[in-house]
All heavy atoms as atom14 arrays in JSON, in Angstrom:
{
  "sequence": "MSNLCRQLCTVLFAIVVVVFQTSAQTNTLAPISQSPVTQSSQASVLK",
  "atom14_mask": [
    [1, 1, 1, 1, 1, 1, 1, 1, 0, 0, 0, 0, 0, 0],
    [1, 1, 1, 1, 1, 1, 0, 0, 0, 0, 0, 0, 0, 0],
    [1, 1, 1, 1, 1, 1, 1, 1, 0, 0, 0, 0, 0, 0],
    [1, 1, 1, 1, 1, 1, 1, 1, 0, 0, 0, 0, 0, 0],
    [1, 1, 1, 1, 1, 1, 0, 0, 0, 0, 0, 0, 0, 0],
    [1, 1, 1, 1, 1, 1, 1, 1, 1, 1, 1, 0, 0, 0],
    [1, 1, 1, 1, 1, 1, 1, 1, 1, 0, 0, 0, 0, 0],
    [1, 1, 1, 1, 1, 1, 1, 1, 0, 0, 0, 0, 0, 0],
    [1, 1, 1, 1, 1, 1, 0, 0, 0, 0, 0, 0, 0, 0],
    [1, 1, 1, 1, 1, 1, 1, 0, 0, 0, 0, 0, 0, 0],
    [1, 1, 1, 1, 1, 1, 1, 0, 0, 0, 0, 0, 0, 0],
    [1, 1, 1, 1, 1, 1, 1, 1, 0, 0, 0, 0, 0, 0],
    [1, 1, 1, 1, 1, 1, 1, 1, 1, 1, 1, 0, 0, 0],
    [1, 1, 1, 1, 1, 0, 0, 0, 0, 0, 0, 0, 0, 0],
    [1, 1, 1, 1, 1, 1, 1, 1, 0, 0, 0, 0, 0, 0],
    [1, 1, 1, 1, 1, 1, 1, 0, 0, 0, 0, 0, 0, 0],
    [1, 1, 1, 1, 1, 1, 1, 0, 0, 0, 0, 0, 0, 0],
    [1, 1, 1, 1, 1, 1, 1, 0, 0, 0, 0, 0, 0, 0],
    [1, 1, 1, 1, 1, 1, 1, 0, 0, 0, 0, 0, 0, 0],
    [1, 1, 1, 1, 1, 1, 1, 1, 1, 1, 1, 0, 0, 0],
    [1, 1, 1, 1, 1, 1, 1, 1, 1, 0, 0, 0, 0, 0],
    [1, 1, 1, 1, 1, 1, 1, 0, 0, 0, 0, 0, 0, 0],
    [1, 1, 1, 1, 1, 1, 0, 0, 0, 0, 0, 0, 0, 0],
    [1, 1, 1, 1, 1, 0, 0, 0, 0, 0, 0, 0, 0, 0],
    [1, 1, 1, 1, 1, 1, 1, 1, 1, 0, 0, 0, 0, 0],
    [1, 1, 1, 1, 1, 1, 1, 0, 0, 0, 0, 0, 0, 0],
    [1, 1, 1, 1, 1, 1, 1, 1, 0, 0, 0, 0, 0, 0],
    [1, 1, 1, 1, 1, 1, 1, 0, 0, 0, 0, 0, 0, 0],
    [1, 1, 1, 1, 1, 1, 1, 1, 0, 0, 0, 0, 0, 0],
    [1, 1, 1, 1, 1, 0, 0, 0, 0, 0, 0, 0, 0, 0],
    [1, 1, 1, 1, 1, 1, 1, 0, 0, 0, 0, 0, 0, 0],
    [1, 1, 1, 1, 1, 1, 1, 1, 0, 0, 0, 0, 0, 0],
    [1, 1, 1, 1, 1, 1, 0, 0, 0, 0, 0, 0, 0, 0],
    [1, 1, 1, 1, 1, 1, 1, 1, 1, 0, 0, 0, 0, 0],
    [1, 1, 1, 1, 1, 1, 0, 0, 0, 0, 0, 0, 0, 0],
    [1, 1, 1, 1, 1, 1, 1, 0, 0, 0, 0, 0, 0, 0],
    [1, 1, 1, 1, 1, 1, 1, 0, 0, 0, 0, 0, 0, 0],
    [1, 1, 1, 1, 1, 1, 1, 0, 0, 0, 0, 0, 0, 0],
    [1, 1, 1, 1, 1, 1, 1, 1, 1, 0, 0, 0, 0, 0],
    [1, 1, 1, 1, 1, 1, 0, 0, 0, 0, 0, 0, 0, 0],
    [1, 1, 1, 1, 1, 1, 0, 0, 0, 0, 0, 0, 0, 0],
    [1, 1, 1, 1, 1, 1, 1, 1, 1, 0, 0, 0, 0, 0],
    [1, 1, 1, 1, 1, 0, 0, 0, 0, 0, 0, 0, 0, 0],
    [1, 1, 1, 1, 1, 1, 0, 0, 0, 0, 0, 0, 0, 0],
    [1, 1, 1, 1, 1, 1, 1, 0, 0, 0, 0, 0, 0, 0],
    [1, 1, 1, 1, 1, 1, 1, 1, 0, 0, 0, 0, 0, 0],
    [1, 1, 1, 1, 1, 1, 1, 1, 1, 0, 0, 0, 0, 0]
  ],
  "atom14_positions": [
    [[17.41, 27.25, 0.23], [17.37, 25.75, 0.17], [18.33, 25.42, -0.83], [18.33, 25.87, -2.09], [16.0, 25.19, -0.06], [16.1, 23.62, -0.09], [14.49, 22.96, -0.41], [13.59, 23.43, 1.01], [0.0, 0.0, 0.0], [0.0, 0.0, 0.0], [0.0, 0.0, 0.0], [0.0, 0.0, 0.0], [0.0, 0.0, 0.0], [0.0, 0.0, 0.0]],
    [[19.31, 24.51, -0.62], [20.37, 24.16, -1.65], [19.69, 23.28, -2.71], [18.65, 22.72, -2.47], [21.44, 23.4, -0.9], [20.99, 22.19, -0.47], [0.0, 0.0, 0.0], [0.0, 0.0, 0.0], [0.0, 0.0, 0.0], [0.0, 0.0, 0.0], [0.0, 0.0, 0.0], [0.0, 0.0, 0.0], [0.0, 0.0, 0.0], [0.0, 0.0, 0.0]],
    [[20.42, 23.29, -3.83], [19.96, 22.41, -4.87], [19.74, 20.87, -4.55], [18.93, 20.26, -4.89], [20.94, 22.54, -6.14], [20.77, 23.89, -6.86], [19.8, 24.53, -6.76], [21.92, 24.2, -7.5], [0.0, 0.0, 0.0], [0.0, 0.0, 0.0], [0.0, 0.0, 0.0], [0.0, 0.0, 0.0], [0.0, 0.0, 0.0], [0.0, 0.0, 0.0]],
    [[20.74, 20.4, -3.64], [20.84, 19.14, -3.22], [19.51, 18.81, -2.38], [18.75, 17.89, -2.57], [22.0, 18.78, -2.36], [22.01, 17.45, -1.67], [22.04, 16.29, -2.84], [23.29, 17.19, -0.87], [0.0, 0.0, 0.0], [0.0, 0.0, 0.0], [0.0, 0.0, 0.0], [0.0, 0.0, 0.0], [0.0, 0.0, 0.0], [0.0, 0.0, 0.0]],
    [[19.13, 19.77, -1.59], [17.85, 19.62, -0.64], [16.66, 19.64, -1.52], [15.66, 18.75, -1.31], [17.76, 20.73, 0.42], [18.98, 20.69, 1.68], [0.0, 0.0, 0.0], [0.0, 0.0, 0.0], [0.0, 0.0, 0.0], [0.0, 0.0, 0.0], [0.0, 0.0, 0.0], [0.0, 0.0, 0.0], [0.0, 0.0, 0.0], [0.0, 0.0, 0.0]],
    [[16.7, 20.53, -2.59], [15.43, 20.51, -3.42], [15.32, 19.22, -4.26], [14.22, 18.62, -4.42], [15.69, 21.56, -4.5], [15.44, 22.99, -3.86], [15.43, 24.08, -5.03], [15.27, 25.34, -4.45], [16.38, 26.22, -4.34], [17.62, 25.72, -4.79], [16.27, 27.47, -3.88], [0.0, 0.0, 0.0], [0.0, 0.0, 0.0], [0.0, 0.0, 0.0]],
    [[16.43, 18.55, -4.66], [16.47, 17.36, -5.3], [15.88, 16.23, -4.46], [15.1, 15.39, -4.9], [17.87, 17.04, -5.9], [18.32, 17.94, -6.92], [19.75, 17.75, -7.47], [20.32, 16.94, -6.87], [20.15, 18.5, -8.52], [0.0, 0.0, 0.0], [0.0, 0.0, 0.0], [0.0, 0.0, 0.0], [0.0, 0.0, 0.0], [0.0, 0.0, 0.0]],
    [[16.5, 16.24, -3.21], [15.9, 15.22, -2.24], [14.5, 15.29, -2.01], [13.75, 14.29, -1.86], [16.84, 15.43, -0.95], [18.21, 14.87, -0.97], [18.89, 15.24, 0.37], [18.32, 13.36, -1.24], [0.0, 0.0, 0.0], [0.0, 0.0, 0.0], [0.0, 0.0, 0.0], [0.0, 0.0, 0.0], [0.0, 0.0, 0.0], [0.0, 0.0, 0.0]],
    [[14.03, 16.65, -1.82], [12.53, 16.76, -1.69], [11.72, 16.29, -2.76], [10.63, 15.67, -2.63], [12.23, 18.21, -1.34], [12.87, 18.75, 0.34], [0.0, 0.0, 0.0], [0.0, 0.0, 0.0], [0.0, 0.0, 0.0], [0.0, 0.0, 0.0], [0.0, 0.0, 0.0], [0.0, 0.0, 0.0], [0.0, 0.0, 0.0], [0.0, 0.0, 0.0]],
    [[12.31, 16.62, -4.04], [11.49, 16.14, -5.25], [11.55, 14.62, -5.26], [10.39, 14.07, -5.57], [12.31, 16.63, -6.4], [12.29, 18.12, -6.43], [11.51, 16.2, -7.64], [0.0, 0.0, 0.0], [0.0, 0.0, 0.0], [0.0, 0.0, 0.0], [0.0, 0.0, 0.0], [0.0, 0.0, 0.0], [0.0, 0.0, 0.0], [0.0, 0.0, 0.0]],
    [[12.52, 13.86, -4.96], [12.59, 12.47, -4.95], [11.55, 11.91, -3.94], [10.86, 11.0, -4.25], [13.94, 11.96, -4.76], [13.96, 10.52, -4.59], [14.87, 12.34, -5.97], [0.0, 0.0, 0.0], [0.0, 0.0, 0.0], [0.0, 0.0, 0.0], [0.0, 0.0, 0.0], [0.0, 0.0, 0.0], [0.0, 0.0, 0.0], [0.0, 0.0, 0.0]],
    [[11.67, 12.48, -2.72], [10.86, 11.95, -1.56], [9.23, 12.18, -2.04], [8.49, 11.29, -1.71], [11.17, 12.66, -0.3], [12.43, 12.29, 0.36], [12.83, 13.29, 1.56], [12.37, 10.89, 0.85], [0.0, 0.0, 0.0], [0.0, 0.0, 0.0], [0.0, 0.0, 0.0], [0.0, 0.0, 0.0], [0.0, 0.0, 0.0], [0.0, 0.0, 0.0]],
    [[9.03, 13.37, -2.59], [7.67, 13.61, -2.92], [7.17, 12.46, -3.97], [6.0, 12.08, -3.93], [7.41, 14.97, -3.57], [6.04, 15.3, -3.9], [4.99, 15.62, -3.12], [5.79, 15.26, -5.35], [3.82, 15.85, -3.42], [4.5, 15.62, -5.71], [3.58, 15.94, -4.8], [0.0, 0.0, 0.0], [0.0, 0.0, 0.0], [0.0, 0.0, 0.0]],
    [[8.04, 12.24, -4.91], [7.65, 11.27, -6.01], [7.38, 9.92, -5.35], [6.42, 9.2, -5.8], [8.79, 11.2, -7.02], [0.0, 0.0, 0.0], [0.0, 0.0, 0.0], [0.0, 0.0, 0.0], [0.0, 0.0, 0.0], [0.0, 0.0, 0.0], [0.0, 0.0, 0.0], [0.0, 0.0, 0.0], [0.0, 0.0, 0.0], [0.0, 0.0, 0.0]],
    [[8.29, 9.52, -4.49], [8.06, 8.23, -3.8], [6.71, 8.19, -2.99], [6.04, 7.18, -2.95], [9.25, 7.93, -2.87], [10.56, 7.77, -3.59], [8.93, 6.77, -1.81], [11.79, 7.61, -2.67], [0.0, 0.0, 0.0], [0.0, 0.0, 0.0], [0.0, 0.0, 0.0], [0.0, 0.0, 0.0], [0.0, 0.0, 0.0], [0.0, 0.0, 0.0]],
    [[6.37, 9.35, -2.28], [5.14, 9.37, -1.58], [3.91, 9.15, -2.45], [3.03, 8.42, -2.39], [5.02, 10.64, -0.76], [3.61, 10.76, -0.26], [5.95, 10.63, 0.3], [0.0, 0.0, 0.0], [0.0, 0.0, 0.0], [0.0, 0.0, 0.0], [0.0, 0.0, 0.0], [0.0, 0.0, 0.0], [0.0, 0.0, 0.0], [0.0, 0.0, 0.0]],
    [[4.07, 9.89, -3.65], [2.95, 9.73, -4.76], [2.82, 8.36, -5.04], [1.6, 7.78, -5.29], [3.24, 10.66, -5.83], [2.34, 10.38, -7.01], [3.12, 12.22, -5.42], [0.0, 0.0, 0.0], [0.0, 0.0, 0.0], [0.0, 0.0, 0.0], [0.0, 0.0, 0.0], [0.0, 0.0, 0.0], [0.0, 0.0, 0.0], [0.0, 0.0, 0.0]],
    [[3.99, 7.66, -5.57], [3.86, 6.32, -5.98], [3.29, 5.36, -4.93], [2.45, 4.54, -5.23], [5.28, 5.85, -6.45], [5.24, 4.28, -6.7], [5.77, 6.55, -7.64], [0.0, 0.0, 0.0], [0.0, 0.0, 0.0], [0.0, 0.0, 0.0], [0.0, 0.0, 0.0], [0.0, 0.0, 0.0], [0.0, 0.0, 0.0], [0.0, 0.0, 0.0]],
    [[3.75, 5.51, -3.62], [3.11, 4.73, -2.66], [1.55, 4.86, -2.39], [0.86, 3.92, -2.26], [3.92, 4.96, -1.34], [3.25, 4.23, -0.11], [5.32, 4.46, -1.39], [0.0, 0.0, 0.0], [0.0, 0.0, 0.0], [0.0, 0.0, 0.0], [0.0, 0.0, 0.0], [0.0, 0.0, 0.0], [0.0, 0.0, 0.0], [0.0, 0.0, 0.0]],
    [[1.2, 6.12, -2.46], [-0.19, 6.4, -2.38], [-0.92, 5.86, -3.46], [-2.06, 5.22, -3.23], [-0.4, 7.97, -2.33], [-1.83, 8.38, -2.26], [-2.45, 8.44, -1.1], [-2.52, 8.77, -3.42], [-3.89, 8.66, -1.07], [-3.85, 9.06, -3.38], [-4.44, 9.09, -2.17], [0.0, 0.0, 0.0], [0.0, 0.0, 0.0], [0.0, 0.0, 0.0]],
    [[-0.51, 6.08, -4.71], [-1.25, 5.47, -5.87], [-1.41, 3.84, -5.75], [-2.36, 3.33, -6.03], [-0.54, 5.83, -7.13], [-0.72, 7.33, -7.48], [0.05, 7.71, -8.69], [0.98, 7.04, -9.2], [-0.35, 8.87, -9.28], [0.0, 0.0, 0.0], [0.0, 0.0, 0.0], [0.0, 0.0, 0.0], [0.0, 0.0, 0.0], [0.0, 0.0, 0.0]],
    [[-0.3, 3.3, -5.29], [-0.1, 1.89, -5.28], [-1.19, 1.49, -4.13], [-1.94, 0.35, -4.32], [1.22, 1.34, -4.86], [2.14, 1.77, -5.93], [1.27, -0.16, -4.84], [0.0, 0.0, 0.0], [0.0, 0.0, 0.0], [0.0, 0.0, 0.0], [0.0, 0.0, 0.0], [0.0, 0.0, 0.0], [0.0, 0.0, 0.0], [0.0, 0.0, 0.0]],
    [[-1.19, 2.18, -3.01], [-2.14, 1.81, -1.93], [-3.52, 1.9, -2.4], [-4.36, 1.05, -2.08], [-1.76, 2.64, -0.83], [-2.84, 2.48, 0.27], [0.0, 0.0, 0.0], [0.0, 0.0, 0.0], [0.0, 0.0, 0.0], [0.0, 0.0, 0.0], [0.0, 0.0, 0.0], [0.0, 0.0, 0.0], [0.0, 0.0, 0.0], [0.0, 0.0, 0.0]],
    [[-3.78, 2.97, -3.14], [-5.2, 3.26, -3.64], [-5.66, 1.98, -4.44], [-6.73, 1.47, -4.42], [-5.35, 4.51, -4.36], [0.0, 0.0, 0.0], [0.0, 0.0, 0.0], [0.0, 0.0, 0.0], [0.0, 0.0, 0.0], [0.0, 0.0, 0.0], [0.0, 0.0, 0.0], [0.0, 0.0, 0.0], [0.0, 0.0, 0.0], [0.0, 0.0, 0.0]],
    [[-4.72, 1.6, -5.43], [-4.97, 0.49, -6.31], [-5.23, -0.74, -5.51], [-6.15, -1.61, -5.82], [-3.98, 0.38, -7.27], [-3.8, 1.46, -8.39], [-2.65, 1.43, -9.2], [-1.78, 0.56, -9.06], [-2.42, 2.28, -10.19], [0.0, 0.0, 0.0], [0.0, 0.0, 0.0], [0.0, 0.0, 0.0], [0.0, 0.0, 0.0], [0.0, 0.0, 0.0]],
    [[-4.37, -1.02, -4.58], [-4.47, -2.09, -3.8], [-5.69, -2.21, -2.93], [-6.5, -3.26, -2.97], [-3.31, -2.28, -2.88], [-2.07, -2.28, -3.56], [-3.43, -3.54, -1.97], [0.0, 0.0, 0.0], [0.0, 0.0, 0.0], [0.0, 0.0, 0.0], [0.0, 0.0, 0.0], [0.0, 0.0, 0.0], [0.0, 0.0, 0.0], [0.0, 0.0, 0.0]],
    [[-6.23, -1.03, -2.44], [-7.4, -1.02, -1.73], [-8.6, -1.39, -2.62], [-9.65, -1.85, -2.19], [-7.62, 0.35, -1.03], [-6.62, 0.47, 0.11], [-6.17, -0.47, 0.67], [-6.25, 1.77, 0.47], [0.0, 0.0, 0.0], [0.0, 0.0, 0.0], [0.0, 0.0, 0.0], [0.0, 0.0, 0.0], [0.0, 0.0, 0.0], [0.0, 0.0, 0.0]],
    [[-8.47, -0.88, -3.89], [-9.65, -1.04, -4.84], [-9.74, -2.48, -5.24], [-10.89, -3.01, -5.35], [-9.43, -0.21, -6.05], [-9.41, 1.08, -5.68], [-10.56, -0.32, -7.03], [0.0, 0.0, 0.0], [0.0, 0.0, 0.0], [0.0, 0.0, 0.0], [0.0, 0.0, 0.0], [0.0, 0.0, 0.0], [0.0, 0.0, 0.0], [0.0, 0.0, 0.0]],
    [[-8.64, -3.15, -5.4], [-8.59, -4.47, -5.97], [-8.27, -5.52, -4.91], [-8.14, -6.77, -5.39], [-7.61, -4.68, -7.15], [-7.87, -3.54, -8.38], [-6.71, -3.73, -9.31], [-9.22, -3.81, -8.98], [0.0, 0.0, 0.0], [0.0, 0.0, 0.0], [0.0, 0.0, 0.0], [0.0, 0.0, 0.0], [0.0, 0.0, 0.0], [0.0, 0.0, 0.0]],
    [[-8.17, -5.16, -3.78], [-7.6, -6.02, -2.69], [-8.58, -7.21, -2.52], [-9.78, -7.2, -2.46], [-7.45, -5.38, -1.36], [0.0, 0.0, 0.0], [0.0, 0.0, 0.0], [0.0, 0.0, 0.0], [0.0, 0.0, 0.0], [0.0, 0.0, 0.0], [0.0, 0.0, 0.0], [0.0, 0.0, 0.0], [0.0, 0.0, 0.0], [0.0, 0.0, 0.0]],
    [[-7.9, -8.45, -2.42], [-8.8, -9.59, -2.1], [-9.35, -9.48, -0.7], [-8.85, -8.7, 0.06], [-7.92, -10.86, -2.3], [-6.51, -10.25, -2.13], [-6.57, -8.83, -2.75], [0.0, 0.0, 0.0], [0.0, 0.0, 0.0], [0.0, 0.0, 0.0], [0.0, 0.0, 0.0], [0.0, 0.0, 0.0], [0.0, 0.0, 0.0], [0.0, 0.0, 0.0]],
    [[-10.22, -10.47, -0.33], [-10.83, -10.32, 0.97], [-9.82, -10.56, 2.09], [-9.75, -9.96, 3.06], [-11.91, -11.38, 1.05], [-13.09, -10.94, 0.18], [-12.44, -11.48, 2.5], [-14.11, -12.04, 0.03], [0.0, 0.0, 0.0], [0.0, 0.0, 0.0], [0.0, 0.0, 0.0], [0.0, 0.0, 0.0], [0.0, 0.0, 0.0], [0.0, 0.0, 0.0]],
    [[-8.92, -11.48, 1.84], [-7.83, -11.79, 2.78], [-6.6, -12.13, 2.11], [-6.53, -12.88, 1.23], [-8.27, -13.17, 3.6], [-7.31, -13.56, 4.44], [0.0, 0.0, 0.0], [0.0, 0.0, 0.0], [0.0, 0.0, 0.0], [0.0, 0.0, 0.0], [0.0, 0.0, 0.0], [0.0, 0.0, 0.0], [0.0, 0.0, 0.0], [0.0, 0.0, 0.0]],
    [[-5.52, -11.49, 2.56], [-4.16, -11.6, 2.02], [-3.54, -12.87, 2.82], [-2.5, -13.23, 2.51], [-3.33, -10.39, 2.08], [-3.91, -9.27, 1.26], [-3.69, -9.39, -0.25], [-3.07, -10.49, -0.53], [-4.09, -8.53, -0.96], [0.0, 0.0, 0.0], [0.0, 0.0, 0.0], [0.0, 0.0, 0.0], [0.0, 0.0, 0.0], [0.0, 0.0, 0.0]],
    [[-4.17, -13.22, 3.92], [-3.49, -14.3, 4.73], [-4.08, -15.55, 4.55], [-5.3, -15.68, 4.16], [-3.58, -13.9, 6.15], [-4.93, -13.72, 6.57], [0.0, 0.0, 0.0], [0.0, 0.0, 0.0], [0.0, 0.0, 0.0], [0.0, 0.0, 0.0], [0.0, 0.0, 0.0], [0.0, 0.0, 0.0], [0.0, 0.0, 0.0], [0.0, 0.0, 0.0]],
    [[-3.48, -16.67, 4.73], [-4.01, -18.01, 4.53], [-5.32, -18.17, 5.35], [-5.33, -17.84, 6.54], [-2.85, -18.92, 4.88], [-1.66, -18.14, 4.82], [-2.05, -16.76, 5.19], [0.0, 0.0, 0.0], [0.0, 0.0, 0.0], [0.0, 0.0, 0.0], [0.0, 0.0, 0.0], [0.0, 0.0, 0.0], [0.0, 0.0, 0.0], [0.0, 0.0, 0.0]],
    [[-6.24, -18.86, 4.84], [-7.49, -19.08, 5.57], [-7.49, -20.54, 6.04], [-8.34, -21.35, 5.82], [-8.65, -18.91, 4.61], [-9.96, -18.91, 5.39], [-8.6, -17.62, 3.86], [0.0, 0.0, 0.0], [0.0, 0.0, 0.0], [0.0, 0.0, 0.0], [0.0, 0.0, 0.0], [0.0, 0.0, 0.0], [0.0, 0.0, 0.0], [0.0, 0.0, 0.0]],
    [[-6.45, -20.89, 6.57], [-6.21, -22.3, 7.12], [-6.89, -22.39, 8.51], [-7.3, -23.4, 8.97], [-4.69, -22.55, 7.4], [-4.25, -21.69, 8.45], [-3.91, -22.32, 6.23], [0.0, 0.0, 0.0], [0.0, 0.0, 0.0], [0.0, 0.0, 0.0], [0.0, 0.0, 0.0], [0.0, 0.0, 0.0], [0.0, 0.0, 0.0], [0.0, 0.0, 0.0]],
    [[-6.91, -21.34, 8.99], [-7.23, -21.11, 10.39], [-8.56, -21.75, 10.57], [-9.51, -21.58, 9.91], [-7.38, -19.57, 10.59], [-6.12, -18.77, 10.17], [-5.57, -18.85, 8.86], [-5.32, -19.91, 8.56], [-5.07, -17.87, 8.34], [0.0, 0.0, 0.0], [0.0, 0.0, 0.0], [0.0, 0.0, 0.0], [0.0, 0.0, 0.0], [0.0, 0.0, 0.0]],
    [[-8.56, -22.42, 11.79], [-9.73, -23.21, 12.09], [-10.9, -22.32, 12.35], [-11.8, -22.78, 13.09], [-9.31, -24.05, 13.38], [-8.83, -23.13, 14.28], [0.0, 0.0, 0.0], [0.0, 0.0, 0.0], [0.0, 0.0, 0.0], [0.0, 0.0, 0.0], [0.0, 0.0, 0.0], [0.0, 0.0, 0.0], [0.0, 0.0, 0.0], [0.0, 0.0, 0.0]],
    [[-11.08, -21.18, 11.73], [-12.19, -20.41, 12.06], [-13.28, -20.67, 10.89], [-13.14, -20.23, 9.8], [-11.84, -18.91, 11.98], [-13.02, -18.06, 11.88], [0.0, 0.0, 0.0], [0.0, 0.0, 0.0], [0.0, 0.0, 0.0], [0.0, 0.0, 0.0], [0.0, 0.0, 0.0], [0.0, 0.0, 0.0], [0.0, 0.0, 0.0], [0.0, 0.0, 0.0]],
    [[-14.4, -21.22, 11.22], [-15.51, -21.31, 10.42], [-15.98, -19.97, 9.9], [-16.45, -19.74, 8.79], [-16.61, -22.29, 11.0], [-16.24, -23.69, 11.04], [-17.34, -24.51, 11.63], [-18.24, -24.06, 12.4], [-17.49, -25.67, 11.08], [0.0, 0.0, 0.0], [0.0, 0.0, 0.0], [0.0, 0.0, 0.0], [0.0, 0.0, 0.0], [0.0, 0.0, 0.0]],
    [[-15.98, -19.05, 10.89], [-16.41, -17.64, 10.63], [-15.76, -17.08, 9.44], [-16.35, -16.44, 8.61], [-16.34, -16.82, 11.84], [0.0, 0.0, 0.0], [0.0, 0.0, 0.0], [0.0, 0.0, 0.0], [0.0, 0.0, 0.0], [0.0, 0.0, 0.0], [0.0, 0.0, 0.0], [0.0, 0.0, 0.0], [0.0, 0.0, 0.0], [0.0, 0.0, 0.0]],
    [[-14.44, -17.32, 9.27], [-13.63, -16.71, 8.19], [-14.05, -17.31, 6.83], [-14.15, -16.6, 5.81], [-12.23, -16.86, 8.44], [-11.8, -18.3, 8.32], [0.0, 0.0, 0.0], [0.0, 0.0, 0.0], [0.0, 0.0, 0.0], [0.0, 0.0, 0.0], [0.0, 0.0, 0.0], [0.0, 0.0, 0.0], [0.0, 0.0, 0.0], [0.0, 0.0, 0.0]],
    [[-14.48, -18.59, 6.81], [-14.93, -19.24, 5.59], [-16.29, -18.68, 5.23], [-16.59, -18.38, 4.15], [-14.82, -20.76, 5.8], [-15.42, -21.41, 4.47], [-13.45, -21.29, 6.05], [0.0, 0.0, 0.0], [0.0, 0.0, 0.0], [0.0, 0.0, 0.0], [0.0, 0.0, 0.0], [0.0, 0.0, 0.0], [0.0, 0.0, 0.0], [0.0, 0.0, 0.0]],
    [[-17.16, -18.71, 6.21], [-18.51, -18.23, 6.04], [-18.53, -16.78, 5.58], [-19.39, -16.35, 4.83], [-19.27, -18.36, 7.36], [-20.82, -18.17, 7.3], [-21.45, -19.08, 6.28], [-21.49, -18.25, 8.48], [0.0, 0.0, 0.0], [0.0, 0.0, 0.0], [0.0, 0.0, 0.0], [0.0, 0.0, 0.0], [0.0, 0.0, 0.0], [0.0, 0.0, 0.0]],
    [[-17.64, -15.96, 6.16], [-17.58, -14.57, 5.71], [-17.3, -14.4, 4.24], [-17.97, -13.59, 3.48], [-16.54, -13.82, 6.34], [-16.44, -12.26, 6.07], [-15.31, -11.61, 6.8], [-15.16, -10.07, 6.36], [-14.05, -9.43, 7.08], [0.0, 0.0, 0.0], [0.0, 0.0, 0.0], [0.0, 0.0, 0.0], [0.0, 0.0, 0.0], [0.0, 0.0, 0.0]]
  ]
}
């Protein structure tokens, strides 16, 4: 494997790790709804 390929793989792996960590944090702290609760659904408010 060339040095360029190794460098690209290293960068891609780092990006995947960051995305995974960010996703985990988001799932832990995520609010109930990221979308506006304008919707005429009483069920969404009651939930």
